Amino acid sequence: MSTGFEIVTKQPHLHLRLSGRLTADDYHGLAPVVDQELADRGPLRMIVELSEAFEGWTAGAAWQDLKLNLDHWNDFDRIAIVGDLAKWQEMMVRFTSPFTKAELKTFASVEDATTWLDG
């Protein structure tokens, strides 16, 4: 099974799909994408979609996630977390919200998340 981040699209919002168990290496691949998107267009609105195959993070990945959020404290405007995996949605919001100024919200569908991000 593949693991990590899949970039679904970069426009109009950065849309990532997470699957498997994320590792620190996954974040090393994601950071340059985030940096380039920020350089190209400034503050980001992002969809983080949790696939049914999402299993969580390794300790190294959790550290890299925290570091990415702190490095980009002011750089995310809104982050929509999408998926039917309520336990992961809740955990992501609790873990991420203290380390970003972004508004975070959970959704059951990408369509609802997109509507919120466009608002």
PDB file of N, CA and C in Angstrom:
ATOM      1  N   MET A   1       0.832  -1.177   0.000  1.00  0.00           N
ATOM      2  CA  MET A   1       0.000   0.000   0.000  1.00  0.00           C
ATOM      3  C   MET A   1       0.880   1.245   0.000  1.00  0.00           C
ATOM      4  N   SER A   2       0.483   2.230  -0.787  1.00  0.00           N
ATOM      5  CA  SER A   2       1.245   3.467  -0.783  1.00  0.00           C
ATOM      6  C   SER A   2       0.908   4.249   0.475  1.00  0.00           C
ATOM      7  N   THR A   3       1.844   5.044   0.895  1.00  0.00           N
ATOM      8  CA  THR A   3       1.623   5.848   2.093  1.00  0.00           C
ATOM      9  C   THR A   3       2.013   7.278   1.806  1.00  0.00           C
ATOM     10  N   GLY A   4       1.543   8.144   2.634  1.00  0.00           N
ATOM     11  CA  GLY A   4       1.999   9.520   2.572  1.00  0.00           C
ATOM     12  C   GLY A   4       0.971  10.491   2.056  1.00  0.00           C
ATOM     13  N   PHE A   5       1.512  11.571   1.498  1.00  0.00           N
ATOM     14  CA  PHE A   5       0.717  12.656   0.965  1.00  0.00           C
ATOM     15  C   PHE A   5       0.591  12.490  -0.534  1.00  0.00           C
ATOM     16  N   GLU A   6      -0.601  12.656  -1.027  1.00  0.00           N
ATOM     17  CA  GLU A   6      -0.813  12.764  -2.466  1.00  0.00           C
ATOM     18  C   GLU A   6      -1.313  14.182  -2.699  1.00  0.00           C
ATOM     19  N   ILE A   7      -0.689  14.896  -3.612  1.00  0.00           N
ATOM     20  CA  ILE A   7      -1.167  16.232  -3.961  1.00  0.00           C
ATOM     21  C   ILE A   7      -2.255  16.045  -5.004  1.00  0.00           C
ATOM     22  N   VAL A   8      -3.494  16.305  -4.605  1.00  0.00           N
ATOM     23  CA  VAL A   8      -4.632  16.135  -5.501  1.00  0.00           C
ATOM     24  C   VAL A   8      -4.665  17.287  -6.485  1.00  0.00           C
ATOM     25  N   THR A   9      -4.522  18.493  -5.964  1.00  0.00           N
ATOM     26  CA  THR A   9      -4.475  19.690  -6.805  1.00  0.00           C
ATOM     27  C   THR A   9      -3.828  20.824  -6.006  1.00  0.00           C
ATOM     28  N   LYS A  10      -3.317  21.797  -6.722  1.00  0.00           N
ATOM     29  CA  LYS A  10      -2.747  22.976  -6.069  1.00  0.00           C
ATOM     30  C   LYS A  10      -3.658  24.194  -6.211  1.00  0.00           C
ATOM     31  N   GLN A  11      -4.627  24.146  -7.111  1.00  0.00           N
ATOM     32  CA  GLN A  11      -5.507  25.270  -7.377  1.00  0.00           C
ATOM     33  C   GLN A  11      -6.959  24.831  -7.310  1.00  0.00           C
ATOM     34  N   PRO A  12      -7.868  25.577  -6.808  1.00  0.00           N
ATOM     35  CA  PRO A  12      -7.641  26.887  -6.216  1.00  0.00           C
ATOM     36  C   PRO A  12      -7.079  26.808  -4.795  1.00  0.00           C
ATOM     37  N   HIS A  13      -7.109  25.598  -4.225  1.00  0.00           N
ATOM     38  CA  HIS A  13      -6.564  25.395  -2.882  1.00  0.00           C
ATOM     39  C   HIS A  13      -5.582  24.237  -2.937  1.00  0.00           C
ATOM     40  N   LEU A  14      -4.620  24.234  -2.066  1.00  0.00           N
ATOM     41  CA  LEU A  14      -3.727  23.086  -1.951  1.00  0.00           C
ATOM     42  C   LEU A  14      -4.524  21.954  -1.316  1.00  0.00           C
ATOM     43  N   HIS A  15      -4.688  20.863  -2.052  1.00  0.00           N
ATOM     44  CA  HIS A  15      -5.517  19.737  -1.607  1.00  0.00           C
ATOM     45  C   HIS A  15      -4.614  18.518  -1.490  1.00  0.00           C
ATOM     46  N   LEU A  16      -4.456  18.035  -0.254  1.00  0.00           N
ATOM     47  CA  LEU A  16      -3.632  16.866   0.029  1.00  0.00           C
ATOM     48  C   LEU A  16      -4.525  15.710   0.447  1.00  0.00           C
ATOM     49  N   ARG A  17      -4.178  14.504   0.008  1.00  0.00           N
ATOM     50  CA  ARG A  17      -4.863  13.294   0.466  1.00  0.00           C
ATOM     51  C   ARG A  17      -3.834  12.474   1.242  1.00  0.00           C
ATOM     52  N   LEU A  18      -4.179  12.099   2.473  1.00  0.00           N
ATOM     53  CA  LEU A  18      -3.292  11.326   3.337  1.00  0.00           C
ATOM     54  C   LEU A  18      -3.743   9.877   3.358  1.00  0.00           C
ATOM     55  N   SER A  19      -2.760   8.969   3.291  1.00  0.00           N
ATOM     56  CA  SER A  19      -3.083   7.550   3.373  1.00  0.00           C
ATOM     57  C   SER A  19      -1.949   6.816   4.065  1.00  0.00           C
ATOM     58  N   GLY A  20      -2.263   5.639   4.577  1.00  0.00           N
ATOM     59  CA  GLY A  20      -1.256   4.835   5.264  1.00  0.00           C
ATOM     60  C   GLY A  20      -0.764   5.521   6.521  1.00  0.00           C
ATOM     61  N   ARG A  21       0.443   5.203   6.917  1.00  0.00           N
ATOM     62  CA  ARG A  21       1.073   5.808   8.095  1.00  0.00           C
ATOM     63  C   ARG A  21       2.128   6.786   7.602  1.00  0.00           C
ATOM     64  N   LEU A  22       1.968   8.062   7.950  1.00  0.00           N
ATOM     65  CA  LEU A  22       2.890   9.093   7.493  1.00  0.00           C
ATOM     66  C   LEU A  22       4.218   8.997   8.233  1.00  0.00           C
ATOM     67  N   THR A  23       5.300   9.255   7.497  1.00  0.00           N
ATOM     68  CA  THR A  23       6.639   9.237   8.067  1.00  0.00           C
ATOM     69  C   THR A  23       7.275  10.618   7.924  1.00  0.00           C
ATOM     70  N   ALA A  24       8.401  10.805   8.577  1.00  0.00           N
ATOM     71  CA  ALA A  24       9.140  12.065   8.450  1.00  0.00           C
ATOM     72  C   ALA A  24       9.521  12.321   6.995  1.00  0.00           C
ATOM     73  N   ASP A  25       9.853  11.273   6.253  1.00  0.00           N
ATOM     74  CA  ASP A  25      10.211  11.442   4.841  1.00  0.00           C
ATOM     75  C   ASP A  25       9.066  12.021   4.024  1.00  0.00           C
ATOM     76  N   ASP A  26       7.840  11.665   4.371  1.00  0.00           N
ATOM     77  CA  ASP A  26       6.690  12.240   3.680  1.00  0.00           C
ATOM     78  C   ASP A  26       6.690  13.763   3.831  1.00  0.00           C
ATOM     79  N   TYR A  27       6.988  14.238   5.017  1.00  0.00           N
ATOM     80  CA  TYR A  27       7.013  15.685   5.265  1.00  0.00           C
ATOM     81  C   TYR A  27       8.180  16.354   4.559  1.00  0.00           C
ATOM     82  N   HIS A  28       9.299  15.658   4.412  1.00  0.00           N
ATOM     83  CA  HIS A  28      10.434  16.227   3.679  1.00  0.00           C
ATOM     84  C   HIS A  28      10.052  16.449   2.219  1.00  0.00           C
ATOM     85  N   GLY A  29       9.144  15.631   1.695  1.00  0.00           N
ATOM     86  CA  GLY A  29       8.647  15.835   0.334  1.00  0.00           C
ATOM     87  C   GLY A  29       7.590  16.916   0.251  1.00  0.00           C
ATOM     88  N   LEU A  30       6.831  17.097   1.304  1.00  0.00           N
ATOM     89  CA  LEU A  30       5.761  18.087   1.316  1.00  0.00           C
ATOM     90  C   LEU A  30       6.268  19.508   1.538  1.00  0.00           C
ATOM     91  N   ALA A  31       7.240  19.688   2.398  1.00  0.00           N
ATOM     92  CA  ALA A  31       7.714  21.036   2.757  1.00  0.00           C
ATOM     93  C   ALA A  31       8.092  21.889   1.544  1.00  0.00           C
ATOM     94  N   PRO A  32       8.839  21.359   0.556  1.00  0.00           N
ATOM     95  CA  PRO A  32       9.170  22.194  -0.604  1.00  0.00           C
ATOM     96  C   PRO A  32       7.932  22.604  -1.420  1.00  0.00           C
ATOM     97  N   VAL A  33       6.925  21.745  -1.467  1.00  0.00           N
ATOM     98  CA  VAL A  33       5.684  22.083  -2.172  1.00  0.00           C
ATOM     99  C   VAL A  33       4.999  23.244  -1.468  1.00  0.00           C
ATOM    100  N   VAL A  34       4.880  23.170  -0.160  1.00  0.00           N
ATOM    101  CA  VAL A  34       4.264  24.243   0.621  1.00  0.00           C
ATOM    102  C   VAL A  34       5.058  25.536   0.453  1.00  0.00           C
ATOM    103  N   ASP A  35       6.368  25.462   0.560  1.00  0.00           N
ATOM    104  CA  ASP A  35       7.207  26.654   0.407  1.00  0.00           C
ATOM    105  C   ASP A  35       7.005  27.309  -0.960  1.00  0.00           C
ATOM    106  N   GLN A  36       6.947  26.493  -2.018  1.00  0.00           N
ATOM    107  CA  GLN A  36       6.772  27.040  -3.366  1.00  0.00           C
ATOM    108  C   GLN A  36       5.398  27.668  -3.534  1.00  0.00           C
ATOM    109  N   GLU A  37       4.367  27.010  -3.030  1.00  0.00           N
ATOM    110  CA  GLU A  37       3.015  27.569  -3.121  1.00  0.00           C
ATOM    111  C   GLU A  37       2.919  28.898  -2.379  1.00  0.00           C
ATOM    112  N   LEU A  38       3.548  28.978  -1.220  1.00  0.00           N
ATOM    113  CA  LEU A  38       3.547  30.230  -0.461  1.00  0.00           C
ATOM    114  C   LEU A  38       4.296  31.325  -1.218  1.00  0.00           C
ATOM    115  N   ALA A  39       5.416  30.972  -1.826  1.00  0.00           N
ATOM    116  CA  ALA A  39       6.186  31.947  -2.594  1.00  0.00           C
ATOM    117  C   ALA A  39       5.394  32.434  -3.807  1.00  0.00           C
ATOM    118  N   ASP A  40       4.630  31.536  -4.414  1.00  0.00           N
ATOM    119  CA  ASP A  40       3.869  31.880  -5.615  1.00  0.00           C
ATOM    120  C   ASP A  40       2.621  32.697  -5.332  1.00  0.00           C
ATOM    121  N   ARG A  41       1.962  32.456  -4.181  1.00  0.00           N
ATOM    122  CA  ARG A  41       0.671  33.115  -3.983  1.00  0.00           C
ATOM    123  C   ARG A  41       0.372  33.590  -2.578  1.00  0.00           C
ATOM    124  N   GLY A  42       1.283  33.463  -1.654  1.00  0.00           N
ATOM    125  CA  GLY A  42       1.031  33.962  -0.312  1.00  0.00           C
ATOM    126  C   GLY A  42       0.219  33.002   0.527  1.00  0.00           C
ATOM    127  N   PRO A  43      -0.489  33.519   1.540  1.00  0.00           N
ATOM    128  CA  PRO A  43      -1.211  32.652   2.481  1.00  0.00           C
ATOM    129  C   PRO A  43      -2.082  31.617   1.767  1.00  0.00           C
ATOM    130  N   LEU A  44      -2.068  30.404   2.311  1.00  0.00           N
ATOM    131  CA  LEU A  44      -2.758  29.286   1.672  1.00  0.00           C
ATOM    132  C   LEU A  44      -4.036  28.907   2.392  1.00  0.00           C
ATOM    133  N   ARG A  45      -4.950  28.428   1.602  1.00  0.00           N
ATOM    134  CA  ARG A  45      -6.115  27.698   2.093  1.00  0.00           C
ATOM    135  C   ARG A  45      -5.913  26.272   1.623  1.00  0.00           C
ATOM    136  N   MET A  46      -6.149  25.332   2.514  1.00  0.00           N
ATOM    137  CA  MET A  46      -5.759  23.963   2.221  1.00  0.00           C
ATOM    138  C   MET A  46      -6.832  22.970   2.644  1.00  0.00           C
ATOM    139  N   ILE A  47      -6.958  21.909   1.843  1.00  0.00           N
ATOM    140  CA  ILE A  47      -7.797  20.762   2.187  1.00  0.00           C
ATOM    141  C   ILE A  47      -6.862  19.612   2.535  1.00  0.00           C
ATOM    142  N   VAL A  48      -7.064  19.016   3.697  1.00  0.00           N
ATOM    143  CA  VAL A  48      -6.347  17.811   4.096  1.00  0.00           C
ATOM    144  C   VAL A  48      -7.397  16.709   4.155  1.00  0.00           C
ATOM    145  N   GLU A  49      -7.359  15.833   3.160  1.00  0.00           N
ATOM    146  CA  GLU A  49      -8.343  14.764   3.048  1.00  0.00           C
ATOM    147  C   GLU A  49      -7.763  13.476   3.623  1.00  0.00           C
ATOM    148  N   LEU A  50      -8.467  12.894   4.565  1.00  0.00           N
ATOM    149  CA  LEU A  50      -8.034  11.653   5.195  1.00  0.00           C
ATOM    150  C   LEU A  50      -8.686  10.484   4.469  1.00  0.00           C
ATOM    151  N   SER A  51      -7.882   9.711   3.746  1.00  0.00           N
ATOM    152  CA  SER A  51      -8.445   8.564   3.033  1.00  0.00           C
ATOM    153  C   SER A  51      -8.862   7.498   4.038  1.00  0.00           C
ATOM    154  N   GLU A  52      -9.669   6.554   3.579  1.00  0.00           N
ATOM    155  CA  GLU A  52     -10.085   5.459   4.459  1.00  0.00           C
ATOM    156  C   GLU A  52      -8.888   4.629   4.908  1.00  0.00           C
ATOM    157  N   ALA A  53      -7.798   4.699   4.147  1.00  0.00           N
ATOM    158  CA  ALA A  53      -6.595   3.924   4.465  1.00  0.00           C
ATOM    159  C   ALA A  53      -5.642   4.675   5.400  1.00  0.00           C
ATOM    160  N   PHE A  54      -6.037   5.872   5.860  1.00  0.00           N
ATOM    161  CA  PHE A  54      -5.155   6.644   6.734  1.00  0.00           C
ATOM    162  C   PHE A  54      -5.017   5.951   8.084  1.00  0.00           C
ATOM    163  N   GLU A  55      -3.755   5.796   8.537  1.00  0.00           N
ATOM    164  CA  GLU A  55      -3.463   5.082   9.786  1.00  0.00           C
ATOM    165  C   GLU A  55      -2.783   5.950  10.843  1.00  0.00           C
ATOM    166  N   GLY A  56      -2.434   7.182  10.496  1.00  0.00           N
ATOM    167  CA  GLY A  56      -1.795   8.055  11.473  1.00  0.00           C
ATOM    168  C   GLY A  56      -0.361   8.398  11.113  1.00  0.00           C
ATOM    169  N   TRP A  57       0.418   8.773  12.139  1.00  0.00           N
ATOM    170  CA  TRP A  57       1.764   9.269  11.957  1.00  0.00           C
ATOM    171  C   TRP A  57       2.759   8.449  12.760  1.00  0.00           C
ATOM    172  N   THR A  58       3.987   8.408  12.269  1.00  0.00           N
ATOM    173  CA  THR A  58       5.078   7.938  13.107  1.00  0.00           C
ATOM    174  C   THR A  58       5.475   9.105  14.010  1.00  0.00           C
ATOM    175  N   ALA A  59       6.277   8.838  15.026  1.00  0.00           N
ATOM    176  CA  ALA A  59       6.740   9.919  15.914  1.00  0.00           C
ATOM    177  C   ALA A  59       7.518  10.966  15.119  1.00  0.00           C
ATOM    178  N   GLY A  60       8.341  10.526  14.185  1.00  0.00           N
ATOM    179  CA  GLY A  60       9.113  11.459  13.363  1.00  0.00           C
ATOM    180  C   GLY A  60       8.224  12.324  12.501  1.00  0.00           C
ATOM    181  N   ALA A  61       7.148  11.753  11.992  1.00  0.00           N
ATOM    182  CA  ALA A  61       6.213  12.519  11.176  1.00  0.00           C
ATOM    183  C   ALA A  61       5.472  13.546  12.025  1.00  0.00           C
ATOM    184  N   ALA A  62       5.086  13.176  13.231  1.00  0.00           N
ATOM    185  CA  ALA A  62       4.410  14.120  14.127  1.00  0.00           C
ATOM    186  C   ALA A  62       5.315  15.316  14.417  1.00  0.00           C
ATOM    187  N   TRP A  63       6.585  15.056  14.624  1.00  0.00           N
ATOM    188  CA  TRP A  63       7.553  16.133  14.858  1.00  0.00           C
ATOM    189  C   TRP A  63       7.662  17.035  13.629  1.00  0.00           C
ATOM    190  N   GLN A  64       7.731  16.438  12.440  1.00  0.00           N
ATOM    191  CA  GLN A  64       7.841  17.223  11.206  1.00  0.00           C
ATOM    192  C   GLN A  64       6.573  18.037  10.961  1.00  0.00           C
ATOM    193  N   ASP A  65       5.417  17.496  11.318  1.00  0.00           N
ATOM    194  CA  ASP A  65       4.163  18.223  11.182  1.00  0.00           C
ATOM    195  C   ASP A  65       4.174  19.453  12.087  1.00  0.00           C
ATOM    196  N   LEU A  66       4.586  19.263  13.323  1.00  0.00           N
ATOM    197  CA  LEU A  66       4.692  20.369  14.268  1.00  0.00           C
ATOM    198  C   LEU A  66       5.658  21.432  13.746  1.00  0.00           C
ATOM    199  N   LYS A  67       6.790  20.991  13.258  1.00  0.00           N
ATOM    200  CA  LYS A  67       7.805  21.918  12.728  1.00  0.00           C
ATOM    201  C   LYS A  67       7.267  22.694  11.524  1.00  0.00           C
ATOM    202  N   LEU A  68       6.576  22.000  10.617  1.00  0.00           N
ATOM    203  CA  LEU A  68       6.002  22.661   9.446  1.00  0.00           C
ATOM    204  C   LEU A  68       5.003  23.726   9.875  1.00  0.00           C
ATOM    205  N   ASN A  69       4.161  23.399  10.849  1.00  0.00           N
ATOM    206  CA  ASN A  69       3.175  24.368  11.339  1.00  0.00           C
ATOM    207  C   ASN A  69       3.837  25.566  11.992  1.00  0.00           C
ATOM    208  N   LEU A  70       4.853  25.336  12.796  1.00  0.00           N
ATOM    209  CA  LEU A  70       5.541  26.450  13.453  1.00  0.00           C
ATOM    210  C   LEU A  70       6.305  27.311  12.453  1.00  0.00           C
ATOM    211  N   ASP A  71       6.936  26.680  11.466  1.00  0.00           N
ATOM    212  CA  ASP A  71       7.668  27.423  10.439  1.00  0.00           C
ATOM    213  C   ASP A  71       6.737  28.313   9.628  1.00  0.00           C
ATOM    214  N   HIS A  72       5.475  27.903   9.530  1.00  0.00           N
ATOM    215  CA  HIS A  72       4.503  28.637   8.708  1.00  0.00           C
ATOM    216  C   HIS A  72       3.320  29.117   9.545  1.00  0.00           C
ATOM    217  N   TRP A  73       3.618  29.576  10.752  1.00  0.00           N
ATOM    218  CA  TRP A  73       2.611  30.015  11.719  1.00  0.00           C
ATOM    219  C   TRP A  73       1.565  30.935  11.089  1.00  0.00           C
ATOM    220  N   ASN A  74       1.999  31.934  10.314  1.00  0.00           N
ATOM    221  CA  ASN A  74       1.101  32.934   9.723  1.00  0.00           C
ATOM    222  C   ASN A  74       0.714  32.635   8.284  1.00  0.00           C
ATOM    223  N   ASP A  75       1.176  31.537   7.721  1.00  0.00           N
ATOM    224  CA  ASP A  75       1.086  31.336   6.279  1.00  0.00           C
ATOM    225  C   ASP A  75      -0.146  30.580   5.795  1.00  0.00           C
ATOM    226  N   PHE A  76      -0.928  30.020   6.713  1.00  0.00           N
ATOM    227  CA  PHE A  76      -2.159  29.337   6.327  1.00  0.00           C
ATOM    228  C   PHE A  76      -3.335  30.158   6.820  1.00  0.00           C
ATOM    229  N   ASP A  77      -4.300  30.373   5.936  1.00  0.00           N
ATOM    230  CA  ASP A  77      -5.486  31.144   6.281  1.00  0.00           C
ATOM    231  C   ASP A  77      -6.564  30.223   6.847  1.00  0.00           C
ATOM    232  N   ARG A  78      -6.901  29.176   6.091  1.00  0.00           N
ATOM    233  CA  ARG A  78      -7.901  28.203   6.514  1.00  0.00           C
ATOM    234  C   ARG A  78      -7.428  26.806   6.135  1.00  0.00           C
ATOM    235  N   ILE A  79      -7.707  25.847   7.012  1.00  0.00           N
ATOM    236  CA  ILE A  79      -7.396  24.450   6.734  1.00  0.00           C
ATOM    237  C   ILE A  79      -8.660  23.639   6.982  1.00  0.00           C
ATOM    238  N   ALA A  80      -9.118  22.963   5.929  1.00  0.00           N
ATOM    239  CA  ALA A  80     -10.282  22.095   6.008  1.00  0.00           C
ATOM    240  C   ALA A  80      -9.805  20.653   6.091  1.00  0.00           C
ATOM    241  N   ILE A  81     -10.275  19.933   7.093  1.00  0.00           N
ATOM    242  CA  ILE A  81      -9.918  18.528   7.261  1.00  0.00           C
ATOM    243  C   ILE A  81     -11.146  17.710   6.875  1.00  0.00           C
ATOM    244  N   VAL A  82     -10.959  16.822   5.894  1.00  0.00           N
ATOM    245  CA  VAL A  82     -12.076  16.090   5.304  1.00  0.00           C
ATOM    246  C   VAL A  82     -11.891  14.597   5.503  1.00  0.00           C
ATOM    247  N   GLY A  83     -12.967  13.931   5.875  1.00  0.00           N
ATOM    248  CA  GLY A  83     -12.932  12.475   5.962  1.00  0.00           C
ATOM    249  C   GLY A  83     -14.001  11.943   6.894  1.00  0.00           C
ATOM    250  N   ASP A  84     -14.233  10.654   6.803  1.00  0.00           N
ATOM    251  CA  ASP A  84     -15.202   9.990   7.669  1.00  0.00           C
ATOM    252  C   ASP A  84     -14.554   9.453   8.936  1.00  0.00           C
ATOM    253  N   LEU A  85     -13.296   9.730   9.110  1.00  0.00           N
ATOM    254  CA  LEU A  85     -12.547   9.180  10.237  1.00  0.00           C
ATOM    255  C   LEU A  85     -12.543  10.185  11.380  1.00  0.00           C
ATOM    256  N   ALA A  86     -13.645  10.232  12.117  1.00  0.00           N
ATOM    257  CA  ALA A  86     -13.845  11.259  13.142  1.00  0.00           C
ATOM    258  C   ALA A  86     -12.707  11.308  14.148  1.00  0.00           C
ATOM    259  N   LYS A  87     -12.174  10.152  14.544  1.00  0.00           N
ATOM    260  CA  LYS A  87     -11.100  10.184  15.546  1.00  0.00           C
ATOM    261  C   LYS A  87      -9.870  10.903  15.015  1.00  0.00           C
ATOM    262  N   TRP A  88      -9.545  10.724  13.720  1.00  0.00           N
ATOM    263  CA  TRP A  88      -8.379  11.401  13.151  1.00  0.00           C
ATOM    264  C   TRP A  88      -8.655  12.884  12.955  1.00  0.00           C
ATOM    265  N   GLN A  89      -9.877  13.221  12.532  1.00  0.00           N
ATOM    266  CA  GLN A  89     -10.225  14.628  12.366  1.00  0.00           C
ATOM    267  C   GLN A  89     -10.053  15.378  13.684  1.00  0.00           C
ATOM    268  N   GLU A  90     -10.629  14.830  14.736  1.00  0.00           N
ATOM    269  CA  GLU A  90     -10.545  15.459  16.056  1.00  0.00           C
ATOM    270  C   GLU A  90      -9.094  15.577  16.509  1.00  0.00           C
ATOM    271  N   MET A  91      -8.320  14.509  16.314  1.00  0.00           N
ATOM    272  CA  MET A  91      -6.923  14.525  16.726  1.00  0.00           C
ATOM    273  C   MET A  91      -6.127  15.567  15.952  1.00  0.00           C
ATOM    274  N   MET A  92      -6.371  15.674  14.649  1.00  0.00           N
ATOM    275  CA  MET A  92      -5.642  16.660  13.846  1.00  0.00           C
ATOM    276  C   MET A  92      -5.951  18.077  14.299  1.00  0.00           C
ATOM    277  N   VAL A  93      -7.210  18.365  14.570  1.00  0.00           N
ATOM    278  CA  VAL A  93      -7.574  19.709  15.014  1.00  0.00           C
ATOM    279  C   VAL A  93      -6.931  20.010  16.358  1.00  0.00           C
ATOM    280  N   ARG A  94      -7.025  19.067  17.295  1.00  0.00           N
ATOM    281  CA  ARG A  94      -6.429  19.297  18.620  1.00  0.00           C
ATOM    282  C   ARG A  94      -4.918  19.455  18.546  1.00  0.00           C
ATOM    283  N   PHE A  95      -4.266  18.651  17.717  1.00  0.00           N
ATOM    284  CA  PHE A  95      -2.815  18.689  17.626  1.00  0.00           C
ATOM    285  C   PHE A  95      -2.326  19.924  16.876  1.00  0.00           C
ATOM    286  N   THR A  96      -3.022  20.299  15.809  1.00  0.00           N
ATOM    287  CA  THR A  96      -2.551  21.370  14.938  1.00  0.00           C
ATOM    288  C   THR A  96      -2.914  22.765  15.415  1.00  0.00           C
ATOM    289  N   SER A  97      -4.104  22.942  15.959  1.00  0.00           N
ATOM    290  CA  SER A  97      -4.596  24.289  16.247  1.00  0.00           C
ATOM    291  C   SER A  97      -3.696  25.137  17.142  1.00  0.00           C
ATOM    292  N   PRO A  98      -3.003  24.595  18.143  1.00  0.00           N
ATOM    293  CA  PRO A  98      -2.137  25.476  18.936  1.00  0.00           C
ATOM    294  C   PRO A  98      -0.900  25.980  18.190  1.00  0.00           C
ATOM    295  N   PHE A  99      -0.615  25.377  17.030  1.00  0.00           N
ATOM    296  CA  PHE A  99       0.636  25.686  16.336  1.00  0.00           C
ATOM    297  C   PHE A  99       0.437  26.403  15.008  1.00  0.00           C
ATOM    298  N   THR A 100      -0.767  26.923  14.787  1.00  0.00           N
ATOM    299  CA  THR A 100      -1.028  27.693  13.580  1.00  0.00           C
ATOM    300  C   THR A 100      -2.084  28.746  13.884  1.00  0.00           C
ATOM    301  N   LYS A 101      -2.027  29.834  13.137  1.00  0.00           N
ATOM    302  CA  LYS A 101      -3.058  30.851  13.262  1.00  0.00           C
ATOM    303  C   LYS A 101      -4.232  30.567  12.338  1.00  0.00           C
ATOM    304  N   ALA A 102      -4.114  29.524  11.528  1.00  0.00           N
ATOM    305  CA  ALA A 102      -5.171  29.182  10.568  1.00  0.00           C
ATOM    306  C   ALA A 102      -6.453  28.789  11.285  1.00  0.00           C
ATOM    307  N   GLU A 103      -7.558  29.091  10.630  1.00  0.00           N
ATOM    308  CA  GLU A 103      -8.850  28.604  11.085  1.00  0.00           C
ATOM    309  C   GLU A 103      -8.970  27.160  10.608  1.00  0.00           C
ATOM    310  N   LEU A 104      -9.299  26.249  11.508  1.00  0.00           N
ATOM    311  CA  LEU A 104      -9.433  24.831  11.178  1.00  0.00           C
ATOM    312  C   LEU A 104     -10.881  24.397  11.332  1.00  0.00           C
ATOM    313  N   LYS A 105     -11.336  23.559  10.388  1.00  0.00           N
ATOM    314  CA  LYS A 105     -12.702  23.060  10.468  1.00  0.00           C
ATOM    315  C   LYS A 105     -12.747  21.692   9.801  1.00  0.00           C
ATOM    316  N   THR A 106     -13.614  20.806  10.299  1.00  0.00           N
ATOM    317  CA  THR A 106     -13.742  19.466   9.744  1.00  0.00           C
ATOM    318  C   THR A 106     -15.004  19.355   8.892  1.00  0.00           C
ATOM    319  N   PHE A 107     -14.917  18.478   7.872  1.00  0.00           N
ATOM    320  CA  PHE A 107     -16.012  18.286   6.928  1.00  0.00           C
ATOM    321  C   PHE A 107     -16.106  16.821   6.534  1.00  0.00           C
ATOM    322  N   ALA A 108     -17.299  16.425   6.117  1.00  0.00           N
ATOM    323  CA  ALA A 108     -17.504  15.062   5.632  1.00  0.00           C
ATOM    324  C   ALA A 108     -17.232  14.953   4.140  1.00  0.00           C
ATOM    325  N   SER A 109     -17.246  16.080   3.408  1.00  0.00           N
ATOM    326  CA  SER A 109     -17.032  16.019   1.958  1.00  0.00           C
ATOM    327  C   SER A 109     -16.099  17.124   1.485  1.00  0.00           C
ATOM    328  N   VAL A 110     -15.412  16.840   0.392  1.00  0.00           N
ATOM    329  CA  VAL A 110     -14.524  17.829  -0.233  1.00  0.00           C
ATOM    330  C   VAL A 110     -15.347  19.013  -0.733  1.00  0.00           C
ATOM    331  N   GLU A 111     -16.536  18.746  -1.228  1.00  0.00           N
ATOM    332  CA  GLU A 111     -17.394  19.821  -1.737  1.00  0.00           C
ATOM    333  C   GLU A 111     -17.728  20.819  -0.633  1.00  0.00           C
ATOM    334  N   ASP A 112     -18.109  20.330   0.541  1.00  0.00           N
ATOM    335  CA  ASP A 112     -18.418  21.232   1.653  1.00  0.00           C
ATOM    336  C   ASP A 112     -17.176  22.000   2.098  1.00  0.00           C
ATOM    337  N   ALA A 113     -16.047  21.325   2.127  1.00  0.00           N
ATOM    338  CA  ALA A 113     -14.789  21.977   2.504  1.00  0.00           C
ATOM    339  C   ALA A 113     -14.436  23.080   1.513  1.00  0.00           C
ATOM    340  N   THR A 114     -14.607  22.804   0.231  1.00  0.00           N
ATOM    341  CA  THR A 114     -14.296  23.788  -0.800  1.00  0.00           C
ATOM    342  C   THR A 114     -15.191  25.010  -0.675  1.00  0.00           C
ATOM    343  N   THR A 115     -16.459  24.796  -0.413  1.00  0.00           N
ATOM    344  CA  THR A 115     -17.398  25.911  -0.235  1.00  0.00           C
ATOM    345  C   THR A 115     -16.932  26.794   0.922  1.00  0.00           C
ATOM    346  N   TRP A 116     -16.541  26.174   2.029  1.00  0.00           N
ATOM    347  CA  TRP A 116     -16.059  26.939   3.183  1.00  0.00           C
ATOM    348  C   TRP A 116     -14.764  27.693   2.851  1.00  0.00           C
ATOM    349  N   LEU A 117     -13.842  27.031   2.169  1.00  0.00           N
ATOM    350  CA  LEU A 117     -12.583  27.680   1.825  1.00  0.00           C
ATOM    351  C   LEU A 117     -12.785  28.847   0.863  1.00  0.00           C
ATOM    352  N   ASP A 118     -13.776  28.745  -0.001  1.00  0.00           N
ATOM    353  CA  ASP A 118     -14.048  29.810  -0.962  1.00  0.00           C
ATOM    354  C   ASP A 118     -14.755  31.016  -0.331  1.00  0.00           C
ATOM    355  N   GLY A 119     -15.302  30.817   0.877  1.00  0.00           N
ATOM    356  CA  GLY A 119     -16.075  31.876   1.551  1.00  0.00           C
ATOM    357  C   GLY A 119     -15.229  32.970   2.124  1.00  0.00           C
TER     358      GLY A 119
END
